[in-house]
PDB file of all heavy atoms in Angstrom:
ATOM      1  N   ILE A   1     278.581 231.916  26.338  1.00  0.00           N
ATOM      2  CA  ILE A   1     277.159 231.811  26.683  1.00  0.00           C
ATOM      3  C   ILE A   1     276.320 232.544  25.645  1.00  0.00           C
ATOM      4  O   ILE A   1     275.296 232.037  25.180  1.00  0.00           O
ATOM      5  CB  ILE A   1     276.896 232.336  28.106  1.00  0.00           C
ATOM      6  CG1 ILE A   1     277.550 231.409  29.132  1.00  0.00           C
ATOM      7  CG2 ILE A   1     275.394 232.485  28.370  1.00  0.00           C
ATOM      8  CD1 ILE A   1     277.607 231.973  30.538  1.00  0.00           C
ATOM      9  N   GLN A   2     276.764 233.716  25.250  1.00  0.00           N
ATOM     10  CA  GLN A   2     276.025 234.489  24.247  1.00  0.00           C
ATOM     11  C   GLN A   2     276.051 233.800  22.879  1.00  0.00           C
ATOM     12  O   GLN A   2     275.056 233.830  22.151  1.00  0.00           O
ATOM     13  CB  GLN A   2     276.565 235.914  24.185  1.00  0.00           C
ATOM     14  CG  GLN A   2     276.219 236.687  25.441  1.00  0.00           C
ATOM     15  CD  GLN A   2     276.905 238.034  25.556  1.00  0.00           C
ATOM     16  OE1 GLN A   2     278.000 238.235  25.031  1.00  0.00           O
ATOM     17  NE2 GLN A   2     276.270 238.955  26.258  1.00  0.00           N
ATOM     18  N   GLN A   3     277.159 233.147  22.539  1.00  0.00           N
ATOM     19  CA  GLN A   3     277.227 232.384  21.290  1.00  0.00           C
ATOM     20  C   GLN A   3     276.251 231.203  21.332  1.00  0.00           C
ATOM     21  O   GLN A   3     275.541 230.947  20.355  1.00  0.00           O
ATOM     22  CB  GLN A   3     278.650 231.857  21.057  1.00  0.00           C
ATOM     23  CG  GLN A   3     279.653 232.927  20.723  1.00  0.00           C
ATOM     24  CD  GLN A   3     281.086 232.395  20.716  1.00  0.00           C
ATOM     25  OE1 GLN A   3     281.390 231.364  21.311  1.00  0.00           O
ATOM     26  NE2 GLN A   3     281.963 233.113  20.033  1.00  0.00           N
ATOM     27  N   ILE A   4     276.213 230.523  22.458  1.00  0.00           N
ATOM     28  CA  ILE A   4     275.289 229.401  22.626  1.00  0.00           C
ATOM     29  C   ILE A   4     273.849 229.890  22.518  1.00  0.00           C
ATOM     30  O   ILE A   4     273.018 229.282  21.837  1.00  0.00           O
ATOM     31  CB  ILE A   4     275.553 228.679  23.967  1.00  0.00           C
ATOM     32  CG1 ILE A   4     276.859 227.875  23.880  1.00  0.00           C
ATOM     33  CG2 ILE A   4     274.374 227.788  24.366  1.00  0.00           C
ATOM     34  CD1 ILE A   4     277.357 227.325  25.201  1.00  0.00           C
ATOM     35  N   ASP A   5     273.560 230.995  23.161  1.00  0.00           N
ATOM     36  CA  ASP A   5     272.203 231.547  23.118  1.00  0.00           C
ATOM     37  C   ASP A   5     271.807 231.921  21.689  1.00  0.00           C
ATOM     38  O   ASP A   5     270.679 231.671  21.268  1.00  0.00           O
ATOM     39  CB  ASP A   5     272.106 232.765  24.042  1.00  0.00           C
ATOM     40  CG  ASP A   5     270.688 233.251  24.214  1.00  0.00           C
ATOM     41  OD1 ASP A   5     269.791 232.421  24.469  1.00  0.00           O
ATOM     42  OD2 ASP A   5     270.467 234.472  24.103  1.00  0.00           O
ATOM     43  N   ALA A   6     272.744 232.482  20.933  1.00  0.00           N
ATOM     44  CA  ALA A   6     272.447 232.909  19.565  1.00  0.00           C
ATOM     45  C   ALA A   6     272.141 231.730  18.651  1.00  0.00           C
ATOM     46  O   ALA A   6     271.272 231.835  17.774  1.00  0.00           O
ATOM     47  CB  ALA A   6     273.629 233.714  19.011  1.00  0.00           C
ATOM     48  N   ILE A   7     272.808 230.614  18.848  1.00  0.00           N
ATOM     49  CA  ILE A   7     272.630 229.464  17.948  1.00  0.00           C
ATOM     50  C   ILE A   7     271.530 228.514  18.431  1.00  0.00           C
ATOM     51  O   ILE A   7     271.045 227.682  17.681  1.00  0.00           O
ATOM     52  CB  ILE A   7     273.962 228.708  17.765  1.00  0.00           C
ATOM     53  CG1 ILE A   7     273.881 227.817  16.534  1.00  0.00           C
ATOM     54  CG2 ILE A   7     274.341 227.927  18.991  1.00  0.00           C
ATOM     55  CD1 ILE A   7     275.207 227.255  16.111  1.00  0.00           C
ATOM     56  N   SER A   8     271.118 228.644  19.675  1.00  0.00           N
ATOM     57  CA  SER A   8     270.130 227.726  20.260  1.00  0.00           C
ATOM     58  C   SER A   8     268.709 228.127  19.919  1.00  0.00           C
ATOM     59  O   SER A   8     268.411 229.305  19.698  1.00  0.00           O
ATOM     60  CB  SER A   8     270.285 227.693  21.780  1.00  0.00           C
ATOM     61  OG  SER A   8     271.520 227.126  22.142  1.00  0.00           O
ATOM     62  N   ASP A   9     267.831 227.131  19.929  1.00  0.00           N
ATOM     63  CA  ASP A   9     266.404 227.392  19.752  1.00  0.00           C
ATOM     64  C   ASP A   9     265.603 226.487  20.686  1.00  0.00           C
ATOM     65  O   ASP A   9     264.535 226.014  20.360  1.00  0.00           O
ATOM     66  CB  ASP A   9     265.982 227.214  18.297  1.00  0.00           C
ATOM     67  CG  ASP A   9     266.201 225.794  17.779  1.00  0.00           C
ATOM     68  OD1 ASP A   9     266.790 224.962  18.500  1.00  0.00           O
ATOM     69  OD2 ASP A   9     265.769 225.518  16.648  1.00  0.00           O
ATOM     70  N   SER A  10     266.170 226.268  21.853  1.00  0.00           N
ATOM     71  CA  SER A  10     265.533 225.409  22.845  1.00  0.00           C
ATOM     72  C   SER A  10     265.763 226.023  24.214  1.00  0.00           C
ATOM     73  O   SER A  10     265.415 227.170  24.427  1.00  0.00           O
ATOM     74  CB  SER A  10     266.126 224.000  22.750  1.00  0.00           C
ATOM     75  OG  SER A  10     265.513 223.137  23.677  1.00  0.00           O
ATOM     76  N   PHE A  11     266.373 225.276  25.099  1.00  0.00           N
ATOM     77  CA  PHE A  11     266.768 225.825  26.392  1.00  0.00           C
ATOM     78  C   PHE A  11     268.252 225.598  26.582  1.00  0.00           C
ATOM     79  O   PHE A  11     268.868 224.808  25.858  1.00  0.00           O
ATOM     80  CB  PHE A  11     265.956 225.222  27.545  1.00  0.00           C
ATOM     81  CG  PHE A  11     266.210 223.760  27.827  1.00  0.00           C
ATOM     82  CD1 PHE A  11     267.214 223.362  28.709  1.00  0.00           C
ATOM     83  CD2 PHE A  11     265.433 222.781  27.234  1.00  0.00           C
ATOM     84  CE1 PHE A  11     267.448 222.016  28.972  1.00  0.00           C
ATOM     85  CE2 PHE A  11     265.651 221.429  27.496  1.00  0.00           C
ATOM     86  CZ  PHE A  11     266.663 221.047  28.362  1.00  0.00           C
ATOM     87  N   ILE A  12     268.827 226.311  27.533  1.00  0.00           N
ATOM     88  CA  ILE A  12     270.234 226.153  27.874  1.00  0.00           C
ATOM     89  C   ILE A  12     270.300 225.428  29.209  1.00  0.00           C
ATOM     90  O   ILE A  12     269.652 225.834  30.172  1.00  0.00           O
ATOM     91  CB  ILE A  12     270.945 227.520  27.944  1.00  0.00           C
ATOM     92  CG1 ILE A  12     270.921 228.191  26.566  1.00  0.00           C
ATOM     93  CG2 ILE A  12     272.376 227.352  28.457  1.00  0.00           C
ATOM     94  CD1 ILE A  12     271.409 229.632  26.553  1.00  0.00           C
ATOM     95  N   TYR A  13     271.048 224.348  29.237  1.00  0.00           N
ATOM     96  CA  TYR A  13     271.198 223.544  30.448  1.00  0.00           C
ATOM     97  C   TYR A  13     272.315 224.158  31.290  1.00  0.00           C
ATOM     98  O   TYR A  13     273.471 224.154  30.891  1.00  0.00           O
ATOM     99  CB  TYR A  13     271.552 222.109  30.050  1.00  0.00           C
ATOM    100  CG  TYR A  13     271.526 221.087  31.164  1.00  0.00           C
ATOM    101  CD1 TYR A  13     270.797 219.928  31.026  1.00  0.00           C
ATOM    102  CD2 TYR A  13     272.259 221.256  32.338  1.00  0.00           C
ATOM    103  CE1 TYR A  13     270.777 218.955  32.020  1.00  0.00           C
ATOM    104  CE2 TYR A  13     272.237 220.303  33.336  1.00  0.00           C
ATOM    105  CZ  TYR A  13     271.506 219.156  33.170  1.00  0.00           C
ATOM    106  OH  TYR A  13     271.489 218.208  34.161  1.00  0.00           O
ATOM    107  N   MET A  14     271.948 224.694  32.438  1.00  0.00           N
ATOM    108  CA  MET A  14     272.921 225.292  33.350  1.00  0.00           C
ATOM    109  C   MET A  14     273.389 224.244  34.349  1.00  0.00           C
ATOM    110  O   MET A  14     272.637 223.873  35.245  1.00  0.00           O
ATOM    111  CB  MET A  14     272.293 226.456  34.123  1.00  0.00           C
ATOM    112  CG  MET A  14     272.055 227.688  33.314  1.00  0.00           C
ATOM    113  SD  MET A  14     271.338 229.013  34.327  1.00  0.00           S
ATOM    114  CE  MET A  14     272.623 229.289  35.544  1.00  0.00           C
ATOM    115  N   VAL A  15     274.601 223.778  34.193  1.00  0.00           N
ATOM    116  CA  VAL A  15     275.185 222.872  35.173  1.00  0.00           C
ATOM    117  C   VAL A  15     275.483 223.723  36.406  1.00  0.00           C
ATOM    118  O   VAL A  15     276.200 224.712  36.324  1.00  0.00           O
ATOM    119  CB  VAL A  15     276.470 222.211  34.619  1.00  0.00           C
ATOM    120  CG1 VAL A  15     277.128 221.334  35.668  1.00  0.00           C
ATOM    121  CG2 VAL A  15     276.158 221.435  33.353  1.00  0.00           C
ATOM    122  N   SER A  16     274.901 223.348  37.536  1.00  0.00           N
ATOM    123  CA  SER A  16     275.004 224.197  38.730  1.00  0.00           C
ATOM    124  C   SER A  16     276.405 224.247  39.315  1.00  0.00           C
ATOM    125  O   SER A  16     276.804 225.249  39.893  1.00  0.00           O
ATOM    126  CB  SER A  16     274.018 223.731  39.801  1.00  0.00           C
ATOM    127  OG  SER A  16     274.377 222.445  40.262  1.00  0.00           O
ATOM    128  N   SER A  17     277.155 223.155  39.172  1.00  0.00           N
ATOM    129  CA  SER A  17     278.500 223.101  39.744  1.00  0.00           C
ATOM    130  C   SER A  17     279.215 221.876  39.204  1.00  0.00           C
ATOM    131  O   SER A  17     278.649 221.098  38.450  1.00  0.00           O
ATOM    132  CB  SER A  17     278.433 223.013  41.267  1.00  0.00           C
ATOM    133  OG  SER A  17     277.951 221.740  41.660  1.00  0.00           O
ATOM    134  N   ALA A  18     280.442 221.681  39.660  1.00  0.00           N
ATOM    135  CA  ALA A  18     281.201 220.503  39.252  1.00  0.00           C
ATOM    136  C   ALA A  18     280.863 219.293  40.120  1.00  0.00           C
ATOM    137  O   ALA A  18     281.413 218.225  39.936  1.00  0.00           O
ATOM    138  CB  ALA A  18     282.696 220.805  39.335  1.00  0.00           C
ATOM    139  N   ALA A  19     279.951 219.451  41.064  1.00  0.00           N
ATOM    140  CA  ALA A  19     279.584 218.351  41.961  1.00  0.00           C
ATOM    141  C   ALA A  19     278.805 217.274  41.207  1.00  0.00           C
ATOM    142  O   ALA A  19     278.251 217.522  40.142  1.00  0.00           O
ATOM    143  CB  ALA A  19     278.738 218.882  43.112  1.00  0.00           C
ATOM    144  N   VAL A  20     278.729 216.110  41.788  1.00  0.00           N
ATOM    145  CA  VAL A  20     277.948 215.024  41.216  1.00  0.00           C
ATOM    146  C   VAL A  20     276.469 215.373  41.348  1.00  0.00           C
ATOM    147  O   VAL A  20     276.040 215.932  42.358  1.00  0.00           O
ATOM    148  CB  VAL A  20     278.264 213.702  41.959  1.00  0.00           C
ATOM    149  CG1 VAL A  20     277.393 212.574  41.445  1.00  0.00           C
ATOM    150  CG2 VAL A  20     279.735 213.365  41.809  1.00  0.00           C
ATOM    151  N   THR A  21     275.688 215.037  40.358  1.00  0.00           N
ATOM    152  CA  THR A  21     274.273 215.367  40.368  1.00  0.00           C
ATOM    153  C   THR A  21     273.561 214.810  41.602  1.00  0.00           C
ATOM    154  O   THR A  21     273.776 213.675  41.985  1.00  0.00           O
ATOM    155  CB  THR A  21     273.572 214.881  39.072  1.00  0.00           C
ATOM    156  OG1 THR A  21     272.190 215.211  39.146  1.00  0.00           O
ATOM    157  CG2 THR A  21     273.715 213.401  38.862  1.00  0.00           C
ATOM    158  N   GLY A  22     272.767 215.656  42.247  1.00  0.00           N
ATOM    159  CA  GLY A  22     271.958 215.246  43.383  1.00  0.00           C
ATOM    160  C   GLY A  22     272.703 215.076  44.689  1.00  0.00           C
ATOM    161  O   GLY A  22     272.127 214.635  45.668  1.00  0.00           O
ATOM    162  N   SER A  23     273.970 215.455  44.767  1.00  0.00           N
ATOM    163  CA  SER A  23     274.769 215.110  45.942  1.00  0.00           C
ATOM    164  C   SER A  23     274.820 216.177  47.027  1.00  0.00           C
ATOM    165  O   SER A  23     275.177 215.874  48.150  1.00  0.00           O
ATOM    166  CB  SER A  23     276.198 214.778  45.510  1.00  0.00           C
ATOM    167  OG  SER A  23     276.831 215.940  45.019  1.00  0.00           O
ATOM    168  N   GLN A  24     274.540 217.406  46.707  1.00  0.00           N
ATOM    169  CA  GLN A  24     274.715 218.449  47.702  1.00  0.00           C
ATOM    170  C   GLN A  24     273.460 218.709  48.519  1.00  0.00           C
ATOM    171  O   GLN A  24     272.403 218.198  48.238  1.00  0.00           O
ATOM    172  CB  GLN A  24     275.208 219.728  47.025  1.00  0.00           C
ATOM    173  CG  GLN A  24     274.278 220.210  45.929  1.00  0.00           C
ATOM    174  CD  GLN A  24     275.031 220.882  44.815  1.00  0.00           C
ATOM    175  OE1 GLN A  24     275.660 220.235  44.005  1.00  0.00           O
ATOM    176  NE2 GLN A  24     274.969 222.175  44.773  1.00  0.00           N
ATOM    177  N   SER A  25     273.590 219.543  49.535  1.00  0.00           N
ATOM    178  CA  SER A  25     272.441 219.791  50.417  1.00  0.00           C
ATOM    179  C   SER A  25     272.003 221.236  50.333  1.00  0.00           C
ATOM    180  O   SER A  25     271.796 221.890  51.337  1.00  0.00           O
ATOM    181  CB  SER A  25     272.807 219.432  51.863  1.00  0.00           C
ATOM    182  OG  SER A  25     273.845 220.282  52.302  1.00  0.00           O
ATOM    183  N   GLY A  26     271.847 221.765  49.170  1.00  0.00           N
ATOM    184  CA  GLY A  26     271.466 223.153  48.986  1.00  0.00           C
ATOM    185  C   GLY A  26     272.568 223.882  48.249  1.00  0.00           C
ATOM    186  O   GLY A  26     273.718 223.449  48.231  1.00  0.00           O
ATOM    187  N   PHE A  27     272.217 224.979  47.628  1.00  0.00           N
ATOM    188  CA  PHE A  27     273.194 225.746  46.866  1.00  0.00           C
ATOM    189  C   PHE A  27     273.803 226.821  47.735  1.00  0.00           C
ATOM    190  O   PHE A  27     273.126 227.455  48.538  1.00  0.00           O
ATOM    191  CB  PHE A  27     272.540 226.363  45.633  1.00  0.00           C
ATOM    192  CG  PHE A  27     272.084 225.340  44.633  1.00  0.00           C
ATOM    193  CD1 PHE A  27     270.744 225.179  44.346  1.00  0.00           C
ATOM    194  CD2 PHE A  27     273.004 224.529  43.981  1.00  0.00           C
ATOM    195  CE1 PHE A  27     270.325 224.233  43.422  1.00  0.00           C
ATOM    196  CE2 PHE A  27     272.592 223.580  43.064  1.00  0.00           C
ATOM    197  CZ  PHE A  27     271.258 223.435  42.782  1.00  0.00           C
ATOM    198  N   GLY A  28     275.097 227.042  47.542  1.00  0.00           N
ATOM    199  CA  GLY A  28     275.812 228.073  48.274  1.00  0.00           C
ATOM    200  C   GLY A  28     275.741 229.411  47.574  1.00  0.00           C
ATOM    201  O   GLY A  28     275.168 229.547  46.482  1.00  0.00           O
ATOM    202  N   GLU A  29     276.347 230.386  48.179  1.00  0.00           N
ATOM    203  CA  GLU A  29     276.333 231.758  47.660  1.00  0.00           C
ATOM    204  C   GLU A  29     276.935 231.837  46.256  1.00  0.00           C
ATOM    205  O   GLU A  29     276.423 232.557  45.395  1.00  0.00           O
ATOM    206  CB  GLU A  29     277.105 232.673  48.618  1.00  0.00           C
ATOM    207  CG  GLU A  29     277.037 234.135  48.238  1.00  0.00           C
ATOM    208  CD  GLU A  29     277.762 235.026  49.243  1.00  0.00           C
ATOM    209  OE1 GLU A  29     277.947 234.622  50.398  1.00  0.00           O
ATOM    210  OE2 GLU A  29     278.130 236.138  48.832  1.00  0.00           O
ATOM    211  N   GLU A  30     277.997 231.086  46.010  1.00  0.00           N
ATOM    212  CA  GLU A  30     278.645 231.105  44.696  1.00  0.00           C
ATOM    213  C   GLU A  30     277.680 230.645  43.600  1.00  0.00           C
ATOM    214  O   GLU A  30     277.590 231.256  42.529  1.00  0.00           O
ATOM    215  CB  GLU A  30     279.886 230.213  44.731  1.00  0.00           C
ATOM    216  CG  GLU A  30     280.675 230.225  43.438  1.00  0.00           C
ATOM    217  CD  GLU A  30     281.933 229.376  43.523  1.00  0.00           C
ATOM    218  OE1 GLU A  30     282.507 229.215  44.621  1.00  0.00           O
ATOM    219  OE2 GLU A  30     282.333 228.853  42.468  1.00  0.00           O
ATOM    220  N   GLN A  31     276.933 229.583  43.872  1.00  0.00           N
ATOM    221  CA  GLN A  31     275.989 229.085  42.879  1.00  0.00           C
ATOM    222  C   GLN A  31     274.810 230.040  42.698  1.00  0.00           C
ATOM    223  O   GLN A  31     274.384 230.282  41.565  1.00  0.00           O
ATOM    224  CB  GLN A  31     275.505 227.692  43.275  1.00  0.00           C
ATOM    225  CG  GLN A  31     276.612 226.666  43.096  1.00  0.00           C
ATOM    226  CD  GLN A  31     276.434 225.491  44.010  1.00  0.00           C
ATOM    227  OE1 GLN A  31     276.066 225.636  45.169  1.00  0.00           O
ATOM    228  NE2 GLN A  31     276.719 224.309  43.494  1.00  0.00           N
ATOM    229  N   ILE A  32     274.307 230.588  43.785  1.00  0.00           N
ATOM    230  CA  ILE A  32     273.197 231.553  43.687  1.00  0.00           C
ATOM    231  C   ILE A  32     273.637 232.765  42.859  1.00  0.00           C
ATOM    232  O   ILE A  32     272.885 233.260  42.011  1.00  0.00           O
ATOM    233  CB  ILE A  32     272.698 231.971  45.085  1.00  0.00           C
ATOM    234  CG1 ILE A  32     272.214 230.759  45.891  1.00  0.00           C
ATOM    235  CG2 ILE A  32     271.631 233.050  44.980  1.00  0.00           C
ATOM    236  CD1 ILE A  32     271.041 230.026  45.306  1.00  0.00           C
ATOM    237  N   ASN A  33     274.859 233.235  43.096  1.00  0.00           N
ATOM    238  CA  ASN A  33     275.379 234.363  42.313  1.00  0.00           C
ATOM    239  C   ASN A  33     275.487 234.002  40.832  1.00  0.00           C
ATOM    240  O   ASN A  33     275.221 234.837  39.965  1.00  0.00           O
ATOM    241  CB  ASN A  33     276.734 234.819  42.853  1.00  0.00           C
ATOM    242  CG  ASN A  33     276.613 235.526  44.183  1.00  0.00           C
ATOM    243  OD1 ASN A  33     275.556 236.050  44.540  1.00  0.00           O
ATOM    244  ND2 ASN A  33     277.692 235.539  44.941  1.00  0.00           N
ATOM    245  N   TYR A  34     275.872 232.769  40.544  1.00  0.00           N
ATOM    246  CA  TYR A  34     275.932 232.281  39.160  1.00  0.00           C
ATOM    247  C   TYR A  34     274.539 232.295  38.535  1.00  0.00           C
ATOM    248  O   TYR A  34     274.354 232.795  37.419  1.00  0.00           O
ATOM    249  CB  TYR A  34     276.556 230.880  39.167  1.00  0.00           C
ATOM    250  CG  TYR A  34     276.351 230.026  37.945  1.00  0.00           C
ATOM    251  CD1 TYR A  34     276.766 230.433  36.677  1.00  0.00           C
ATOM    252  CD2 TYR A  34     275.786 228.759  38.057  1.00  0.00           C
ATOM    253  CE1 TYR A  34     276.610 229.610  35.571  1.00  0.00           C
ATOM    254  CE2 TYR A  34     275.633 227.923  36.957  1.00  0.00           C
ATOM    255  CZ  TYR A  34     276.044 228.363  35.719  1.00  0.00           C
ATOM    256  OH  TYR A  34     275.897 227.543  34.626  1.00  0.00           O
ATOM    257  N   PHE A  35     273.549 231.788  39.249  1.00  0.00           N
ATOM    258  CA  PHE A  35     272.173 231.799  38.736  1.00  0.00           C
ATOM    259  C   PHE A  35     271.727 233.221  38.405  1.00  0.00           C
ATOM    260  O   PHE A  35     271.143 233.485  37.356  1.00  0.00           O
ATOM    261  CB  PHE A  35     271.202 231.176  39.734  1.00  0.00           C
ATOM    262  CG  PHE A  35     271.470 229.740  40.096  1.00  0.00           C
ATOM    263  CD1 PHE A  35     270.954 229.213  41.260  1.00  0.00           C
ATOM    264  CD2 PHE A  35     272.241 228.906  39.288  1.00  0.00           C
ATOM    265  CE1 PHE A  35     271.186 227.880  41.614  1.00  0.00           C
ATOM    266  CE2 PHE A  35     272.482 227.582  39.627  1.00  0.00           C
ATOM    267  CZ  PHE A  35     271.953 227.066  40.803  1.00  0.00           C
TER     268      PHE A  35
END
């Protein structure tokens, strides 16, 4: 993550989980902790 941040000059896309996009009904504790 730090290597990506050092080389980037835009934004970093945080994939919230391995789930399919738009499929879940809210984020769980694990994802909130990741954020």
